[in-house]
PDB file of N, CA and C in Angstrom:
ATOM      1  N   MET A   1      13.034  -5.016  18.662  1.00  0.00           N
ATOM      2  CA  MET A   1      12.628  -3.996  17.725  1.00  0.00           C
ATOM      3  C   MET A   1      11.673  -4.609  16.711  1.00  0.00           C
ATOM      4  N   ASN A   2      10.497  -4.076  16.602  1.00  0.00           N
ATOM      5  CA  ASN A   2       9.541  -4.509  15.587  1.00  0.00           C
ATOM      6  C   ASN A   2       9.668  -3.578  14.399  1.00  0.00           C
ATOM      7  N   GLN A   3       9.627  -4.148  13.224  1.00  0.00           N
ATOM      8  CA  GLN A   3       9.725  -3.339  12.024  1.00  0.00           C
ATOM      9  C   GLN A   3       8.727  -3.862  11.003  1.00  0.00           C
ATOM     10  N   ILE A   4       7.924  -2.956  10.472  1.00  0.00           N
ATOM     11  CA  ILE A   4       6.975  -3.326   9.434  1.00  0.00           C
ATOM     12  C   ILE A   4       7.651  -3.127   8.090  1.00  0.00           C
ATOM     13  N   VAL A   5       7.588  -4.154   7.266  1.00  0.00           N
ATOM     14  CA  VAL A   5       8.143  -4.067   5.913  1.00  0.00           C
ATOM     15  C   VAL A   5       7.031  -4.368   4.927  1.00  0.00           C
ATOM     16  N   THR A   6       7.057  -3.672   3.817  1.00  0.00           N
ATOM     17  CA  THR A   6       6.036  -3.901   2.808  1.00  0.00           C
ATOM     18  C   THR A   6       6.659  -4.447   1.528  1.00  0.00           C
ATOM     19  N   PRO A   7       7.480  -3.675   0.824  1.00  0.00           N
ATOM     20  CA  PRO A   7       8.054  -4.256  -0.396  1.00  0.00           C
ATOM     21  C   PRO A   7       9.225  -5.187  -0.072  1.00  0.00           C
ATOM     22  N   PRO A   8       9.523  -6.105  -0.968  1.00  0.00           N
ATOM     23  CA  PRO A   8      10.642  -7.027  -0.765  1.00  0.00           C
ATOM     24  C   PRO A   8      11.972  -6.320  -0.509  1.00  0.00           C
ATOM     25  N   SER A   9      12.158  -5.142  -1.073  1.00  0.00           N
ATOM     26  CA  SER A   9      13.416  -4.423  -0.863  1.00  0.00           C
ATOM     27  C   SER A   9      13.594  -4.037   0.605  1.00  0.00           C
ATOM     28  N   GLN A  10      12.503  -3.709   1.291  1.00  0.00           N
ATOM     29  CA  GLN A  10      12.594  -3.384   2.719  1.00  0.00           C
ATOM     30  C   GLN A  10      12.945  -4.629   3.525  1.00  0.00           C
ATOM     31  N   LEU A  11      12.340  -5.747   3.190  1.00  0.00           N
ATOM     32  CA  LEU A  11      12.657  -6.993   3.884  1.00  0.00           C
ATOM     33  C   LEU A  11      14.123  -7.347   3.661  1.00  0.00           C
ATOM     34  N   GLY A  12      14.584  -7.192   2.446  1.00  0.00           N
ATOM     35  CA  GLY A  12      15.991  -7.467   2.139  1.00  0.00           C
ATOM     36  C   GLY A  12      16.931  -6.582   2.935  1.00  0.00           C
ATOM     37  N   ALA A  13      16.577  -5.317   3.083  1.00  0.00           N
ATOM     38  CA  ALA A  13      17.411  -4.385   3.848  1.00  0.00           C
ATOM     39  C   ALA A  13      17.456  -4.771   5.323  1.00  0.00           C
ATOM     40  N   VAL A  14      16.320  -5.201   5.872  1.00  0.00           N
ATOM     41  CA  VAL A  14      16.277  -5.637   7.271  1.00  0.00           C
ATOM     42  C   VAL A  14      17.156  -6.875   7.459  1.00  0.00           C
ATOM     43  N   ILE A  15      17.041  -7.812   6.555  1.00  0.00           N
ATOM     44  CA  ILE A  15      17.849  -9.037   6.644  1.00  0.00           C
ATOM     45  C   ILE A  15      19.329  -8.693   6.540  1.00  0.00           C
ATOM     46  N   GLN A  16      19.687  -7.833   5.603  1.00  0.00           N
ATOM     47  CA  GLN A  16      21.092  -7.447   5.448  1.00  0.00           C
ATOM     48  C   GLN A  16      21.616  -6.746   6.706  1.00  0.00           C
ATOM     49  N   THR A  17      20.831  -5.844   7.256  1.00  0.00           N
ATOM     50  CA  THR A  17      21.238  -5.128   8.469  1.00  0.00           C
ATOM     51  C   THR A  17      21.499  -6.093   9.617  1.00  0.00           C
ATOM     52  N   HIS A  18      20.602  -7.066   9.800  1.00  0.00           N
ATOM     53  CA  HIS A  18      20.790  -8.045  10.873  1.00  0.00           C
ATOM     54  C   HIS A  18      21.968  -8.969  10.591  1.00  0.00           C
ATOM     55  N   ARG A  19      22.158  -9.335   9.348  1.00  0.00           N
ATOM     56  CA  ARG A  19      23.318 -10.180   9.003  1.00  0.00           C
ATOM     57  C   ARG A  19      24.605  -9.447   9.321  1.00  0.00           C
ATOM     58  N   LEU A  20      24.703  -8.193   8.887  1.00  0.00           N
ATOM     59  CA  LEU A  20      25.926  -7.420   9.130  1.00  0.00           C
ATOM     60  C   LEU A  20      26.151  -7.193  10.623  1.00  0.00           C
ATOM     61  N   GLY A  21      25.061  -7.008  11.366  1.00  0.00           N
ATOM     62  CA  GLY A  21      25.175  -6.821  12.810  1.00  0.00           C
ATOM     63  C   GLY A  21      25.652  -8.065  13.534  1.00  0.00           C
ATOM     64  N   LYS A  22      25.291  -9.221  13.004  1.00  0.00           N
ATOM     65  CA  LYS A  22      25.691 -10.486  13.629  1.00  0.00           C
ATOM     66  C   LYS A  22      27.049 -10.966  13.125  1.00  0.00           C
ATOM     67  N   GLY A  23      27.464 -10.491  11.953  1.00  0.00           N
ATOM     68  CA  GLY A  23      28.809 -10.791  11.486  1.00  0.00           C
ATOM     69  C   GLY A  23      29.007 -11.794  10.368  1.00  0.00           C
ATOM     70  N   PRO A  24      28.055 -12.687  10.068  1.00  0.00           N
ATOM     71  CA  PRO A  24      28.371 -13.663   9.018  1.00  0.00           C
ATOM     72  C   PRO A  24      28.379 -13.030   7.618  1.00  0.00           C
ATOM     73  N   THR A  25      29.184 -13.594   6.758  1.00  0.00           N
ATOM     74  CA  THR A  25      29.160 -13.194   5.357  1.00  0.00           C
ATOM     75  C   THR A  25      27.913 -13.789   4.710  1.00  0.00           C
ATOM     76  N   GLN A  26      27.639 -13.374   3.504  1.00  0.00           N
ATOM     77  CA  GLN A  26      26.519 -13.977   2.777  1.00  0.00           C
ATOM     78  C   GLN A  26      26.741 -15.470   2.613  1.00  0.00           C
ATOM     79  N   THR A  27      27.954 -15.865   2.345  1.00  0.00           N
ATOM     80  CA  THR A  27      28.271 -17.280   2.152  1.00  0.00           C
ATOM     81  C   THR A  27      28.053 -18.069   3.441  1.00  0.00           C
ATOM     82  N   GLU A  28      28.490 -17.526   4.565  1.00  0.00           N
ATOM     83  CA  GLU A  28      28.299 -18.201   5.849  1.00  0.00           C
ATOM     84  C   GLU A  28      26.814 -18.313   6.193  1.00  0.00           C
ATOM     85  N   LEU A  29      26.062 -17.242   5.978  1.00  0.00           N
ATOM     86  CA  LEU A  29      24.618 -17.279   6.234  1.00  0.00           C
ATOM     87  C   LEU A  29      23.945 -18.305   5.335  1.00  0.00           C
ATOM     88  N   ALA A  30      24.350 -18.336   4.080  1.00  0.00           N
ATOM     89  CA  ALA A  30      23.774 -19.298   3.140  1.00  0.00           C
ATOM     90  C   ALA A  30      24.013 -20.733   3.606  1.00  0.00           C
ATOM     91  N   THR A  31      25.212 -21.013   4.064  1.00  0.00           N
ATOM     92  CA  THR A  31      25.533 -22.358   4.555  1.00  0.00           C
ATOM     93  C   THR A  31      24.657 -22.719   5.747  1.00  0.00           C
ATOM     94  N   LEU A  32      24.528 -21.795   6.678  1.00  0.00           N
ATOM     95  CA  LEU A  32      23.704 -22.048   7.870  1.00  0.00           C
ATOM     96  C   LEU A  32      22.232 -22.242   7.520  1.00  0.00           C
ATOM     97  N   ALA A  33      21.767 -21.536   6.491  1.00  0.00           N
ATOM     98  CA  ALA A  33      20.357 -21.613   6.097  1.00  0.00           C
ATOM     99  C   ALA A  33      20.091 -22.704   5.065  1.00  0.00           C
ATOM    100  N   GLY A  34      21.139 -23.370   4.614  1.00  0.00           N
ATOM    101  CA  GLY A  34      20.961 -24.451   3.646  1.00  0.00           C
ATOM    102  C   GLY A  34      20.655 -23.971   2.241  1.00  0.00           C
ATOM    103  N   THR A  35      21.258 -22.860   1.854  1.00  0.00           N
ATOM    104  CA  THR A  35      21.035 -22.325   0.518  1.00  0.00           C
ATOM    105  C   THR A  35      22.364 -21.854  -0.066  1.00  0.00           C
ATOM    106  N   GLN A  36      22.315 -21.069  -1.115  1.00  0.00           N
ATOM    107  CA  GLN A  36      23.526 -20.592  -1.775  1.00  0.00           C
ATOM    108  C   GLN A  36      23.715 -19.098  -1.538  1.00  0.00           C
ATOM    109  N   GLN A  37      24.953 -18.633  -1.673  1.00  0.00           N
ATOM    110  CA  GLN A  37      25.272 -17.216  -1.479  1.00  0.00           C
ATOM    111  C   GLN A  37      24.460 -16.342  -2.424  1.00  0.00           C
ATOM    112  N   LYS A  38      24.256 -16.788  -3.663  1.00  0.00           N
ATOM    113  CA  LYS A  38      23.510 -15.965  -4.618  1.00  0.00           C
ATOM    114  C   LYS A  38      22.059 -15.768  -4.171  1.00  0.00           C
ATOM    115  N   THR A  39      21.522 -16.723  -3.429  1.00  0.00           N
ATOM    116  CA  THR A  39      20.160 -16.586  -2.903  1.00  0.00           C
ATOM    117  C   THR A  39      20.117 -15.516  -1.824  1.00  0.00           C
ATOM    118  N   ILE A  40      21.120 -15.493  -0.945  1.00  0.00           N
ATOM    119  CA  ILE A  40      21.186 -14.456   0.088  1.00  0.00           C
ATOM    120  C   ILE A  40      21.317 -13.086  -0.564  1.00  0.00           C
ATOM    121  N   SER A  41      22.139 -12.993  -1.571  1.00  0.00           N
ATOM    122  CA  SER A  41      22.292 -11.730  -2.299  1.00  0.00           C
ATOM    123  C   SER A  41      20.967 -11.289  -2.908  1.00  0.00           C
ATOM    124  N   ALA A  42      20.250 -12.219  -3.509  1.00  0.00           N
ATOM    125  CA  ALA A  42      18.953 -11.898  -4.121  1.00  0.00           C
ATOM    126  C   ALA A  42      17.950 -11.426  -3.075  1.00  0.00           C
ATOM    127  N   ILE A  43      17.925 -12.091  -1.929  1.00  0.00           N
ATOM    128  CA  ILE A  43      17.015 -11.683  -0.853  1.00  0.00           C
ATOM    129  C   ILE A  43      17.352 -10.273  -0.392  1.00  0.00           C
ATOM    130  N   GLU A  44      18.627 -10.027  -0.138  1.00  0.00           N
ATOM    131  CA  GLU A  44      19.044  -8.718   0.356  1.00  0.00           C
ATOM    132  C   GLU A  44      18.787  -7.609  -0.662  1.00  0.00           C
ATOM    133  N   ASN A  45      18.764  -7.957  -1.943  1.00  0.00           N
ATOM    134  CA  ASN A  45      18.491  -6.973  -2.993  1.00  0.00           C
ATOM    135  C   ASN A  45      17.006  -6.843  -3.306  1.00  0.00           C
ATOM    136  N   GLY A  46      16.171  -7.616  -2.614  1.00  0.00           N
ATOM    137  CA  GLY A  46      14.732  -7.523  -2.810  1.00  0.00           C
ATOM    138  C   GLY A  46      14.231  -8.169  -4.082  1.00  0.00           C
ATOM    139  N   SER A  47      15.002  -9.082  -4.627  1.00  0.00           N
ATOM    140  CA  SER A  47      14.601  -9.765  -5.854  1.00  0.00           C
ATOM    141  C   SER A  47      13.429 -10.707  -5.602  1.00  0.00           C
ATOM    142  N   ALA A  48      12.596 -10.841  -6.592  1.00  0.00           N
ATOM    143  CA  ALA A  48      11.449 -11.747  -6.497  1.00  0.00           C
ATOM    144  C   ALA A  48      11.897 -13.182  -6.733  1.00  0.00           C
ATOM    145  N   GLY A  49      11.095 -14.111  -6.267  1.00  0.00           N
ATOM    146  CA  GLY A  49      11.314 -15.507  -6.617  1.00  0.00           C
ATOM    147  C   GLY A  49      11.963 -16.362  -5.546  1.00  0.00           C
ATOM    148  N   THR A  50      12.220 -15.826  -4.366  1.00  0.00           N
ATOM    149  CA  THR A  50      12.798 -16.640  -3.308  1.00  0.00           C
ATOM    150  C   THR A  50      11.722 -17.550  -2.728  1.00  0.00           C
ATOM    151  N   ARG A  51      12.064 -18.801  -2.539  1.00  0.00           N
ATOM    152  CA  ARG A  51      11.110 -19.745  -1.943  1.00  0.00           C
ATOM    153  C   ARG A  51      10.831 -19.349  -0.503  1.00  0.00           C
ATOM    154  N   LEU A  52       9.593 -19.505  -0.091  1.00  0.00           N
ATOM    155  CA  LEU A  52       9.188 -19.124   1.252  1.00  0.00           C
ATOM    156  C   LEU A  52       9.961 -19.904   2.310  1.00  0.00           C
ATOM    157  N   ASP A  53      10.165 -21.198   2.115  1.00  0.00           N
ATOM    158  CA  ASP A  53      10.897 -21.975   3.120  1.00  0.00           C
ATOM    159  C   ASP A  53      12.335 -21.503   3.255  1.00  0.00           C
ATOM    160  N   THR A  54      12.940 -21.063   2.156  1.00  0.00           N
ATOM    161  CA  THR A  54      14.298 -20.529   2.211  1.00  0.00           C
ATOM    162  C   THR A  54      14.322 -19.220   2.984  1.00  0.00           C
ATOM    163  N   LEU A  55      13.382 -18.345   2.682  1.00  0.00           N
ATOM    164  CA  LEU A  55      13.298 -17.065   3.367  1.00  0.00           C
ATOM    165  C   LEU A  55      13.097 -17.263   4.874  1.00  0.00           C
ATOM    166  N   ILE A  56      12.227 -18.173   5.250  1.00  0.00           N
ATOM    167  CA  ILE A  56      11.980 -18.439   6.666  1.00  0.00           C
ATOM    168  C   ILE A  56      13.224 -19.023   7.335  1.00  0.00           C
ATOM    169  N   SER A  57      13.958 -19.860   6.641  1.00  0.00           N
ATOM    170  CA  SER A  57      15.208 -20.404   7.192  1.00  0.00           C
ATOM    171  C   SER A  57      16.226 -19.303   7.443  1.00  0.00           C
ATOM    172  N   VAL A  58      16.364 -18.389   6.499  1.00  0.00           N
ATOM    173  CA  VAL A  58      17.302 -17.277   6.646  1.00  0.00           C
ATOM    174  C   VAL A  58      16.904 -16.411   7.839  1.00  0.00           C
ATOM    175  N   ILE A  59      15.626 -16.112   7.947  1.00  0.00           N
ATOM    176  CA  ILE A  59      15.124 -15.301   9.056  1.00  0.00           C
ATOM    177  C   ILE A  59      15.402 -16.003  10.389  1.00  0.00           C
ATOM    178  N   ALA A  60      15.168 -17.292  10.454  1.00  0.00           N
ATOM    179  CA  ALA A  60      15.394 -18.049  11.693  1.00  0.00           C
ATOM    180  C   ALA A  60      16.872 -18.085  12.067  1.00  0.00           C
ATOM    181  N   VAL A  61      17.739 -18.296  11.093  1.00  0.00           N
ATOM    182  CA  VAL A  61      19.181 -18.343  11.364  1.00  0.00           C
ATOM    183  C   VAL A  61      19.660 -17.016  11.951  1.00  0.00           C
ATOM    184  N   LEU A  62      19.056 -15.922  11.517  1.00  0.00           N
ATOM    185  CA  LEU A  62      19.436 -14.609  12.031  1.00  0.00           C
ATOM    186  C   LEU A  62      18.800 -14.315  13.392  1.00  0.00           C
ATOM    187  N   GLY A  63      18.017 -15.253  13.920  1.00  0.00           N
ATOM    188  CA  GLY A  63      17.388 -15.057  15.215  1.00  0.00           C
ATOM    189  C   GLY A  63      16.193 -14.119  15.162  1.00  0.00           C
ATOM    190  N   LEU A  64      15.564 -14.050  13.998  1.00  0.00           N
ATOM    191  CA  LEU A  64      14.394 -13.194  13.802  1.00  0.00           C
ATOM    192  C   LEU A  64      13.141 -14.049  13.681  1.00  0.00           C
ATOM    193  N   ASP A  65      11.995 -13.424  13.884  1.00  0.00           N
ATOM    194  CA  ASP A  65      10.709 -14.074  13.671  1.00  0.00           C
ATOM    195  C   ASP A  65       9.951 -13.310  12.601  1.00  0.00           C
ATOM    196  N   LEU A  66       9.137 -14.013  11.867  1.00  0.00           N
ATOM    197  CA  LEU A  66       8.247 -13.409  10.887  1.00  0.00           C
ATOM    198  C   LEU A  66       6.861 -13.360  11.512  1.00  0.00           C
ATOM    199  N   GLN A  67       6.289 -12.181  11.565  1.00  0.00           N
ATOM    200  CA  GLN A  67       4.969 -12.018  12.166  1.00  0.00           C
ATOM    201  C   GLN A  67       4.061 -11.348  11.140  1.00  0.00           C
ATOM    202  N   ILE A  68       2.884 -11.914  10.949  1.00  0.00           N
ATOM    203  CA  ILE A  68       1.906 -11.368  10.023  1.00  0.00           C
ATOM    204  C   ILE A  68       0.842 -10.648  10.846  1.00  0.00           C
ATOM    205  N   VAL A  69       0.614  -9.378  10.522  1.00  0.00           N
ATOM    206  CA  VAL A  69      -0.374  -8.582  11.250  1.00  0.00           C
ATOM    207  C   VAL A  69      -1.267  -7.856  10.254  1.00  0.00           C
ATOM    208  N   PRO A  70      -2.498  -7.561  10.648  1.00  0.00           N
ATOM    209  CA  PRO A  70      -3.385  -6.806   9.749  1.00  0.00           C
ATOM    210  C   PRO A  70      -2.818  -5.414   9.486  1.00  0.00           C
ATOM    211  N   ARG A  71      -3.056  -4.936   8.290  1.00  0.00           N
ATOM    212  CA  ARG A  71      -2.628  -3.577   7.949  1.00  0.00           C
ATOM    213  C   ARG A  71      -3.501  -2.569   8.661  1.00  0.00           C
ATOM    214  N   GLN A  72      -2.913  -1.458   8.988  1.00  0.00           N
ATOM    215  CA  GLN A  72      -3.642  -0.357   9.596  1.00  0.00           C
ATOM    216  C   GLN A  72      -4.362   0.409   8.490  1.00  0.00           C
ATOM    217  N   ASN A  73      -5.482   1.025   8.823  1.00  0.00           N
ATOM    218  CA  ASN A  73      -6.187   1.856   7.850  1.00  0.00           C
ATOM    219  C   ASN A  73      -5.258   2.941   7.337  1.00  0.00           C
ATOM    220  N   GLY A  74      -5.330   3.207   6.047  1.00  0.00           N
ATOM    221  CA  GLY A  74      -4.475   4.221   5.452  1.00  0.00           C
ATOM    222  C   GLY A  74      -3.127   3.696   5.012  1.00  0.00           C
ATOM    223  N   SER A  75      -2.871   2.386   5.210  1.00  0.00           N
ATOM    224  CA  SER A  75      -1.603   1.812   4.783  1.00  0.00           C
ATOM    225  C   SER A  75      -1.605   1.584   3.278  1.00  0.00           C
ATOM    226  N   ILE A  76      -0.486   1.210   2.790  1.00  0.00           N
ATOM    227  CA  ILE A  76      -0.322   0.923   1.374  1.00  0.00           C
ATOM    228  C   ILE A  76      -1.193  -0.263   0.989  1.00  0.00           C
ATOM    229  N   SER A  77      -1.782  -0.212  -0.174  1.00  0.00           N
ATOM    230  CA  SER A  77      -2.567  -1.345  -0.660  1.00  0.00           C
ATOM    231  C   SER A  77      -1.645  -2.352  -1.322  1.00  0.00           C
ATOM    232  N   ILE A  78      -2.112  -3.547  -1.493  1.00  0.00           N
ATOM    233  CA  ILE A  78      -1.309  -4.611  -2.119  1.00  0.00           C
ATOM    234  C   ILE A  78      -0.899  -4.206  -3.536  1.00  0.00           C
ATOM    235  N   GLU A  79      -1.723  -3.425  -4.201  1.00  0.00           N
ATOM    236  CA  GLU A  79      -1.404  -2.984  -5.560  1.00  0.00           C
ATOM    237  C   GLU A  79      -0.182  -2.072  -5.559  1.00  0.00           C
ATOM    238  N   ASP A  80       0.058  -1.354  -4.465  1.00  0.00           N
ATOM    239  CA  ASP A  80       1.239  -0.484  -4.368  1.00  0.00           C
ATOM    240  C   ASP A  80       2.519  -1.260  -4.185  1.00  0.00           C
ATOM    241  N   VAL A  81       2.399  -2.494  -3.698  1.00  0.00           N
ATOM    242  CA  VAL A  81       3.572  -3.317  -3.427  1.00  0.00           C
ATOM    243  C   VAL A  81       4.083  -3.978  -4.697  1.00  0.00           C
ATOM    244  N   PHE A  82       3.177  -4.446  -5.546  1.00  0.00           N
ATOM    245  CA  PHE A  82       3.591  -5.208  -6.721  1.00  0.00           C
ATOM    246  C   PHE A  82       3.370  -4.455  -7.986  1.00  0.00           C
TER     247      PHE A  82
END
């Protein structure tokens, strides 16, 4: 399943959905990704400030890939995201 996410809250929701589907708690996911439970909570809530390497580790532990693709015409502009 491919899913396009724009704001951090959408990315957090996708990560939370996959975590819940796979079964680990936030604490277990944090341990596997080499971070803390509060970081997983922040990611899932769409909070700003997560380090990119941490985010990529969490995505990898969940068996997901991060793919960057050009926006389609008529999509949200970067100003709408931040």
